[in-house]
Each structure stands twice: as C-alpha cells, then as structure tokens.
All heavy atoms as atom14 arrays in JSON, in Angstrom:
{
  "sequence": "NARMLLIKTTIAMCPLIGLLGTVTGMITVFETM",
  "atom14_mask": [
    [1, 1, 1, 1, 1, 1, 1, 1, 0, 0, 0, 0, 0, 0],
    [1, 1, 1, 1, 1, 0, 0, 0, 0, 0, 0, 0, 0, 0],
    [1, 1, 1, 1, 1, 1, 1, 1, 1, 1, 1, 0, 0, 0],
    [1, 1, 1, 1, 1, 1, 1, 1, 0, 0, 0, 0, 0, 0],
    [1, 1, 1, 1, 1, 1, 1, 1, 0, 0, 0, 0, 0, 0],
    [1, 1, 1, 1, 1, 1, 1, 1, 0, 0, 0, 0, 0, 0],
    [1, 1, 1, 1, 1, 1, 1, 1, 0, 0, 0, 0, 0, 0],
    [1, 1, 1, 1, 1, 1, 1, 1, 1, 0, 0, 0, 0, 0],
    [1, 1, 1, 1, 1, 1, 1, 0, 0, 0, 0, 0, 0, 0],
    [1, 1, 1, 1, 1, 1, 1, 0, 0, 0, 0, 0, 0, 0],
    [1, 1, 1, 1, 1, 1, 1, 1, 0, 0, 0, 0, 0, 0],
    [1, 1, 1, 1, 1, 0, 0, 0, 0, 0, 0, 0, 0, 0],
    [1, 1, 1, 1, 1, 1, 1, 1, 0, 0, 0, 0, 0, 0],
    [1, 1, 1, 1, 1, 1, 0, 0, 0, 0, 0, 0, 0, 0],
    [1, 1, 1, 1, 1, 1, 1, 0, 0, 0, 0, 0, 0, 0],
    [1, 1, 1, 1, 1, 1, 1, 1, 0, 0, 0, 0, 0, 0],
    [1, 1, 1, 1, 1, 1, 1, 1, 0, 0, 0, 0, 0, 0],
    [1, 1, 1, 1, 0, 0, 0, 0, 0, 0, 0, 0, 0, 0],
    [1, 1, 1, 1, 1, 1, 1, 1, 0, 0, 0, 0, 0, 0],
    [1, 1, 1, 1, 1, 1, 1, 1, 0, 0, 0, 0, 0, 0],
    [1, 1, 1, 1, 0, 0, 0, 0, 0, 0, 0, 0, 0, 0],
    [1, 1, 1, 1, 1, 1, 1, 0, 0, 0, 0, 0, 0, 0],
    [1, 1, 1, 1, 1, 1, 1, 0, 0, 0, 0, 0, 0, 0],
    [1, 1, 1, 1, 1, 1, 1, 0, 0, 0, 0, 0, 0, 0],
    [1, 1, 1, 1, 0, 0, 0, 0, 0, 0, 0, 0, 0, 0],
    [1, 1, 1, 1, 1, 1, 1, 1, 0, 0, 0, 0, 0, 0],
    [1, 1, 1, 1, 1, 1, 1, 1, 0, 0, 0, 0, 0, 0],
    [1, 1, 1, 1, 1, 1, 1, 0, 0, 0, 0, 0, 0, 0],
    [1, 1, 1, 1, 1, 1, 1, 0, 0, 0, 0, 0, 0, 0],
    [1, 1, 1, 1, 1, 1, 1, 1, 1, 1, 1, 0, 0, 0],
    [1, 1, 1, 1, 1, 1, 1, 1, 1, 0, 0, 0, 0, 0],
    [1, 1, 1, 1, 1, 1, 1, 0, 0, 0, 0, 0, 0, 0],
    [1, 1, 1, 1, 1, 1, 1, 1, 0, 0, 0, 0, 0, 0]
  ],
  "atom14_positions": [
    [[91.26, 98.11, 135.17], [90.68, 99.42, 134.88], [89.35, 99.35, 134.12], [88.78, 100.38, 133.8], [91.67, 100.27, 134.08], [92.81, 100.76, 134.95], [92.6, 101.19, 136.07], [94.01, 100.66, 134.43], [0.0, 0.0, 0.0], [0.0, 0.0, 0.0], [0.0, 0.0, 0.0], [0.0, 0.0, 0.0], [0.0, 0.0, 0.0], [0.0, 0.0, 0.0]],
    [[88.89, 98.14, 133.82], [87.64, 98.0, 133.08], [86.51, 98.69, 133.85], [86.4, 98.57, 135.07], [87.32, 96.53, 132.88], [0.0, 0.0, 0.0], [0.0, 0.0, 0.0], [0.0, 0.0, 0.0], [0.0, 0.0, 0.0], [0.0, 0.0, 0.0], [0.0, 0.0, 0.0], [0.0, 0.0, 0.0], [0.0, 0.0, 0.0], [0.0, 0.0, 0.0]],
    [[85.71, 99.42, 133.16], [84.52, 100.11, 133.68], [84.82, 101.28, 134.61], [83.89, 101.9, 135.12], [83.55, 99.12, 134.33], [82.87, 98.23, 133.3], [81.95, 97.25, 133.91], [82.55, 96.03, 134.4], [83.14, 95.1, 133.66], [83.25, 95.26, 132.39], [83.63, 94.0, 134.19], [0.0, 0.0, 0.0], [0.0, 0.0, 0.0], [0.0, 0.0, 0.0]],
    [[86.08, 101.59, 134.85], [86.38, 102.75, 135.71], [85.96, 104.05, 135.03], [85.44, 104.96, 135.68], [87.87, 102.79, 136.06], [88.31, 101.72, 137.05], [87.42, 101.75, 138.61], [87.94, 103.31, 139.28], [0.0, 0.0, 0.0], [0.0, 0.0, 0.0], [0.0, 0.0, 0.0], [0.0, 0.0, 0.0], [0.0, 0.0, 0.0], [0.0, 0.0, 0.0]],
    [[86.16, 104.15, 133.72], [85.74, 105.35, 133.0], [84.22, 105.49, 133.03], [83.69, 106.6, 133.18], [86.25, 105.31, 131.55], [85.95, 106.54, 130.71], [86.6, 107.78, 131.32], [86.43, 106.33, 129.29], [0.0, 0.0, 0.0], [0.0, 0.0, 0.0], [0.0, 0.0, 0.0], [0.0, 0.0, 0.0], [0.0, 0.0, 0.0], [0.0, 0.0, 0.0]],
    [[83.51, 104.38, 132.91], [82.05, 104.42, 132.98], [81.58, 104.86, 134.36], [80.61, 105.62, 134.49], [81.48, 103.05, 132.62], [79.97, 102.94, 132.49], [79.43, 103.93, 131.47], [79.58, 101.52, 132.12], [0.0, 0.0, 0.0], [0.0, 0.0, 0.0], [0.0, 0.0, 0.0], [0.0, 0.0, 0.0], [0.0, 0.0, 0.0], [0.0, 0.0, 0.0]],
    [[82.27, 104.42, 135.4], [81.92, 104.84, 136.76], [82.12, 106.35, 136.9], [81.24, 107.05, 137.42], [82.76, 104.07, 137.8], [82.33, 102.6, 137.84], [82.65, 104.71, 139.18], [83.24, 101.7, 138.65], [0.0, 0.0, 0.0], [0.0, 0.0, 0.0], [0.0, 0.0, 0.0], [0.0, 0.0, 0.0], [0.0, 0.0, 0.0], [0.0, 0.0, 0.0]],
    [[83.25, 106.86, 136.43], [83.52, 108.3, 136.52], [82.51, 109.1, 135.7], [82.08, 110.17, 136.12], [84.93, 108.6, 136.03], [86.01, 108.12, 136.95], [87.36, 108.45, 136.35], [88.49, 107.9, 137.17], [89.8, 108.2, 136.55], [0.0, 0.0, 0.0], [0.0, 0.0, 0.0], [0.0, 0.0, 0.0], [0.0, 0.0, 0.0], [0.0, 0.0, 0.0]],
    [[82.13, 108.57, 134.54], [81.14, 109.26, 133.71], [79.79, 109.31, 134.4], [79.1, 110.33, 134.38], [81.02, 108.55, 132.35], [82.31, 108.52, 131.72], [80.04, 109.26, 131.44], [0.0, 0.0, 0.0], [0.0, 0.0, 0.0], [0.0, 0.0, 0.0], [0.0, 0.0, 0.0], [0.0, 0.0, 0.0], [0.0, 0.0, 0.0], [0.0, 0.0, 0.0]],
    [[79.4, 108.21, 135.02], [78.13, 108.17, 135.74], [78.13, 109.16, 136.9], [77.12, 109.84, 137.15], [77.84, 106.75, 136.25], [78.01, 105.83, 135.19], [76.44, 106.63, 136.79], [0.0, 0.0, 0.0], [0.0, 0.0, 0.0], [0.0, 0.0, 0.0], [0.0, 0.0, 0.0], [0.0, 0.0, 0.0], [0.0, 0.0, 0.0], [0.0, 0.0, 0.0]],
    [[79.26, 109.26, 137.59], [79.37, 110.23, 138.69], [79.21, 111.65, 138.16], [78.51, 112.47, 138.76], [80.72, 110.06, 139.42], [80.73, 108.75, 140.2], [81.0, 111.24, 140.35], [82.09, 108.36, 140.74], [0.0, 0.0, 0.0], [0.0, 0.0, 0.0], [0.0, 0.0, 0.0], [0.0, 0.0, 0.0], [0.0, 0.0, 0.0], [0.0, 0.0, 0.0]],
    [[79.83, 111.93, 137.03], [79.74, 113.27, 136.45], [78.34, 113.57, 135.93], [77.91, 114.73, 135.91], [80.76, 113.42, 135.32], [0.0, 0.0, 0.0], [0.0, 0.0, 0.0], [0.0, 0.0, 0.0], [0.0, 0.0, 0.0], [0.0, 0.0, 0.0], [0.0, 0.0, 0.0], [0.0, 0.0, 0.0], [0.0, 0.0, 0.0], [0.0, 0.0, 0.0]],
    [[77.61, 112.54, 135.53], [76.26, 112.75, 134.99], [75.24, 113.08, 136.07], [74.25, 113.77, 135.79], [75.8, 111.5, 134.24], [76.33, 111.38, 132.85], [75.81, 109.86, 132.03], [74.15, 109.61, 132.57], [0.0, 0.0, 0.0], [0.0, 0.0, 0.0], [0.0, 0.0, 0.0], [0.0, 0.0, 0.0], [0.0, 0.0, 0.0], [0.0, 0.0, 0.0]],
    [[75.43, 112.59, 137.28], [74.43, 112.77, 138.34], [74.08, 114.25, 138.58], [72.9, 114.6, 138.58], [74.87, 112.09, 139.62], [74.7, 110.3, 139.56], [0.0, 0.0, 0.0], [0.0, 0.0, 0.0], [0.0, 0.0, 0.0], [0.0, 0.0, 0.0], [0.0, 0.0, 0.0], [0.0, 0.0, 0.0], [0.0, 0.0, 0.0], [0.0, 0.0, 0.0]],
    [[75.06, 115.13, 138.77], [74.69, 116.54, 138.98], [74.04, 117.16, 137.74], [73.15, 118.01, 137.86], [76.02, 117.25, 139.29], [76.96, 116.19, 139.63], [76.49, 114.93, 138.98], [0.0, 0.0, 0.0], [0.0, 0.0, 0.0], [0.0, 0.0, 0.0], [0.0, 0.0, 0.0], [0.0, 0.0, 0.0], [0.0, 0.0, 0.0], [0.0, 0.0, 0.0]],
    [[74.46, 116.72, 136.57], [73.86, 117.26, 135.35], [72.4, 116.84, 135.21], [71.56, 117.64, 134.79], [74.67, 116.81, 134.13], [76.11, 117.31, 134.09], [76.85, 116.72, 132.9], [76.14, 118.81, 134.06], [0.0, 0.0, 0.0], [0.0, 0.0, 0.0], [0.0, 0.0, 0.0], [0.0, 0.0, 0.0], [0.0, 0.0, 0.0], [0.0, 0.0, 0.0]],
    [[72.1, 115.62, 135.57], [70.7, 115.17, 135.56], [69.91, 115.98, 136.59], [68.77, 116.38, 136.33], [70.6, 113.65, 135.83], [71.28, 112.86, 134.71], [69.15, 113.23, 135.96], [71.45, 111.39, 135.02], [0.0, 0.0, 0.0], [0.0, 0.0, 0.0], [0.0, 0.0, 0.0], [0.0, 0.0, 0.0], [0.0, 0.0, 0.0], [0.0, 0.0, 0.0]],
    [[70.52, 116.24, 137.74], [69.87, 117.07, 138.75], [69.59, 118.47, 138.24], [68.53, 119.05, 138.51], [0.0, 0.0, 0.0], [0.0, 0.0, 0.0], [0.0, 0.0, 0.0], [0.0, 0.0, 0.0], [0.0, 0.0, 0.0], [0.0, 0.0, 0.0], [0.0, 0.0, 0.0], [0.0, 0.0, 0.0], [0.0, 0.0, 0.0], [0.0, 0.0, 0.0]],
    [[70.52, 119.03, 137.47], [70.29, 120.36, 136.9], [69.16, 120.35, 135.88], [68.43, 121.33, 135.74], [71.57, 120.9, 136.27], [72.64, 121.34, 137.27], [73.92, 121.71, 136.55], [72.14, 122.49, 138.11], [0.0, 0.0, 0.0], [0.0, 0.0, 0.0], [0.0, 0.0, 0.0], [0.0, 0.0, 0.0], [0.0, 0.0, 0.0], [0.0, 0.0, 0.0]],
    [[69.02, 119.24, 135.17], [67.88, 119.1, 134.28], [66.58, 119.18, 135.08], [65.61, 119.81, 134.64], [67.96, 117.77, 133.52], [66.78, 117.45, 132.6], [66.72, 118.45, 131.46], [66.89, 116.03, 132.08], [0.0, 0.0, 0.0], [0.0, 0.0, 0.0], [0.0, 0.0, 0.0], [0.0, 0.0, 0.0], [0.0, 0.0, 0.0], [0.0, 0.0, 0.0]],
    [[66.57, 118.59, 136.25], [65.41, 118.69, 137.14], [65.16, 120.12, 137.58], [64.01, 120.55, 137.73], [0.0, 0.0, 0.0], [0.0, 0.0, 0.0], [0.0, 0.0, 0.0], [0.0, 0.0, 0.0], [0.0, 0.0, 0.0], [0.0, 0.0, 0.0], [0.0, 0.0, 0.0], [0.0, 0.0, 0.0], [0.0, 0.0, 0.0], [0.0, 0.0, 0.0]],
    [[66.23, 120.88, 137.79], [66.08, 122.28, 138.17], [65.4, 123.06, 137.05], [64.49, 123.84, 137.28], [67.47, 122.9, 138.47], [68.04, 122.2, 139.56], [67.35, 124.37, 138.8], [0.0, 0.0, 0.0], [0.0, 0.0, 0.0], [0.0, 0.0, 0.0], [0.0, 0.0, 0.0], [0.0, 0.0, 0.0], [0.0, 0.0, 0.0], [0.0, 0.0, 0.0]],
    [[65.84, 122.81, 135.84], [65.26, 123.52, 134.7], [63.78, 123.16, 134.53], [62.94, 124.04, 134.37], [66.06, 123.2, 133.41], [65.35, 123.74, 132.18], [67.46, 123.77, 133.51], [0.0, 0.0, 0.0], [0.0, 0.0, 0.0], [0.0, 0.0, 0.0], [0.0, 0.0, 0.0], [0.0, 0.0, 0.0], [0.0, 0.0, 0.0], [0.0, 0.0, 0.0]],
    [[63.48, 121.87, 134.6], [62.07, 121.48, 134.45], [61.22, 122.01, 135.6], [60.08, 122.4, 135.4], [61.92, 119.95, 134.33], [62.48, 119.32, 135.48], [62.58, 119.43, 133.07], [0.0, 0.0, 0.0], [0.0, 0.0, 0.0], [0.0, 0.0, 0.0], [0.0, 0.0, 0.0], [0.0, 0.0, 0.0], [0.0, 0.0, 0.0], [0.0, 0.0, 0.0]],
    [[61.77, 122.05, 136.8], [61.03, 122.6, 137.95], [60.77, 124.09, 137.8], [59.69, 124.59, 138.12], [0.0, 0.0, 0.0], [0.0, 0.0, 0.0], [0.0, 0.0, 0.0], [0.0, 0.0, 0.0], [0.0, 0.0, 0.0], [0.0, 0.0, 0.0], [0.0, 0.0, 0.0], [0.0, 0.0, 0.0], [0.0, 0.0, 0.0], [0.0, 0.0, 0.0]],
    [[61.76, 124.81, 137.29], [61.58, 126.25, 137.08], [60.57, 126.52, 135.97], [59.79, 127.48, 136.04], [62.91, 126.94, 136.79], [63.85, 126.99, 137.99], [63.1, 127.6, 139.51], [62.78, 129.29, 139.1], [0.0, 0.0, 0.0], [0.0, 0.0, 0.0], [0.0, 0.0, 0.0], [0.0, 0.0, 0.0], [0.0, 0.0, 0.0], [0.0, 0.0, 0.0]],
    [[60.55, 125.68, 134.96], [59.53, 125.81, 133.91], [58.14, 125.64, 134.52], [57.21, 126.38, 134.2], [59.79, 124.8, 132.77], [61.03, 125.22, 131.99], [58.58, 124.67, 131.87], [61.5, 124.2, 130.97], [0.0, 0.0, 0.0], [0.0, 0.0, 0.0], [0.0, 0.0, 0.0], [0.0, 0.0, 0.0], [0.0, 0.0, 0.0], [0.0, 0.0, 0.0]],
    [[58.01, 124.69, 135.44], [56.74, 124.49, 136.14], [56.35, 125.73, 136.93], [55.17, 126.14, 136.93], [56.83, 123.26, 137.07], [57.21, 122.13, 136.32], [55.51, 123.0, 137.77], [0.0, 0.0, 0.0], [0.0, 0.0, 0.0], [0.0, 0.0, 0.0], [0.0, 0.0, 0.0], [0.0, 0.0, 0.0], [0.0, 0.0, 0.0], [0.0, 0.0, 0.0]],
    [[57.32, 126.34, 137.6], [57.05, 127.57, 138.36], [56.56, 128.66, 137.42], [55.56, 129.35, 137.7], [58.31, 128.03, 139.13], [58.12, 129.43, 139.7], [58.65, 127.07, 140.24], [0.0, 0.0, 0.0], [0.0, 0.0, 0.0], [0.0, 0.0, 0.0], [0.0, 0.0, 0.0], [0.0, 0.0, 0.0], [0.0, 0.0, 0.0], [0.0, 0.0, 0.0]],
    [[57.23, 128.84, 136.3], [56.84, 129.89, 135.37], [55.47, 129.61, 134.74], [54.69, 130.54, 134.52], [57.9, 130.09, 134.29], [59.2, 130.63, 134.83], [60.41, 130.11, 134.42], [59.21, 131.66, 135.77], [61.61, 130.6, 134.92], [60.4, 132.16, 136.28], [61.6, 131.63, 135.85], [0.0, 0.0, 0.0], [0.0, 0.0, 0.0], [0.0, 0.0, 0.0]],
    [[55.19, 128.35, 134.46], [53.86, 128.0, 133.95], [52.79, 128.31, 134.98], [51.71, 128.82, 134.64], [53.8, 126.52, 133.56], [54.49, 126.18, 132.27], [54.46, 124.68, 131.97], [54.01, 123.89, 132.82], [54.9, 124.32, 130.87], [0.0, 0.0, 0.0], [0.0, 0.0, 0.0], [0.0, 0.0, 0.0], [0.0, 0.0, 0.0], [0.0, 0.0, 0.0]],
    [[53.08, 128.0, 136.23], [52.13, 128.28, 137.3], [51.9, 129.78, 137.42], [50.76, 130.24, 137.56], [52.64, 127.72, 138.64], [52.83, 126.32, 138.51], [51.68, 128.0, 139.77], [0.0, 0.0, 0.0], [0.0, 0.0, 0.0], [0.0, 0.0, 0.0], [0.0, 0.0, 0.0], [0.0, 0.0, 0.0], [0.0, 0.0, 0.0], [0.0, 0.0, 0.0]],
    [[52.98, 130.55, 137.35], [52.85, 132.01, 137.43], [52.06, 132.55, 136.24], [51.28, 133.5, 136.39], [54.23, 132.66, 137.51], [54.92, 132.44, 138.84], [56.64, 132.97, 138.87], [56.52, 134.71, 138.51], [0.0, 0.0, 0.0], [0.0, 0.0, 0.0], [0.0, 0.0, 0.0], [0.0, 0.0, 0.0], [0.0, 0.0, 0.0], [0.0, 0.0, 0.0]]
  ]
}
C-alpha cells in the first residue's frame, strides 16, 4: 500500500489545479474587459 495515498491525493489535486487555471483565466478576462 506504500504510495497509494499519494497517488489518490495527486488524482484529487488535478481538477483543483485546473480550477485554479479557471480562476486565473477569468481574472485575465476581467482585466481585459
């Protein structure tokens, strides 16, 4: 079971990192506007 928790955590982090990209992209849109 070594590193299985780290694998699951990394999987859970991927969408959250993507959402961070959404926020930064929307900030760019608002700055442009």
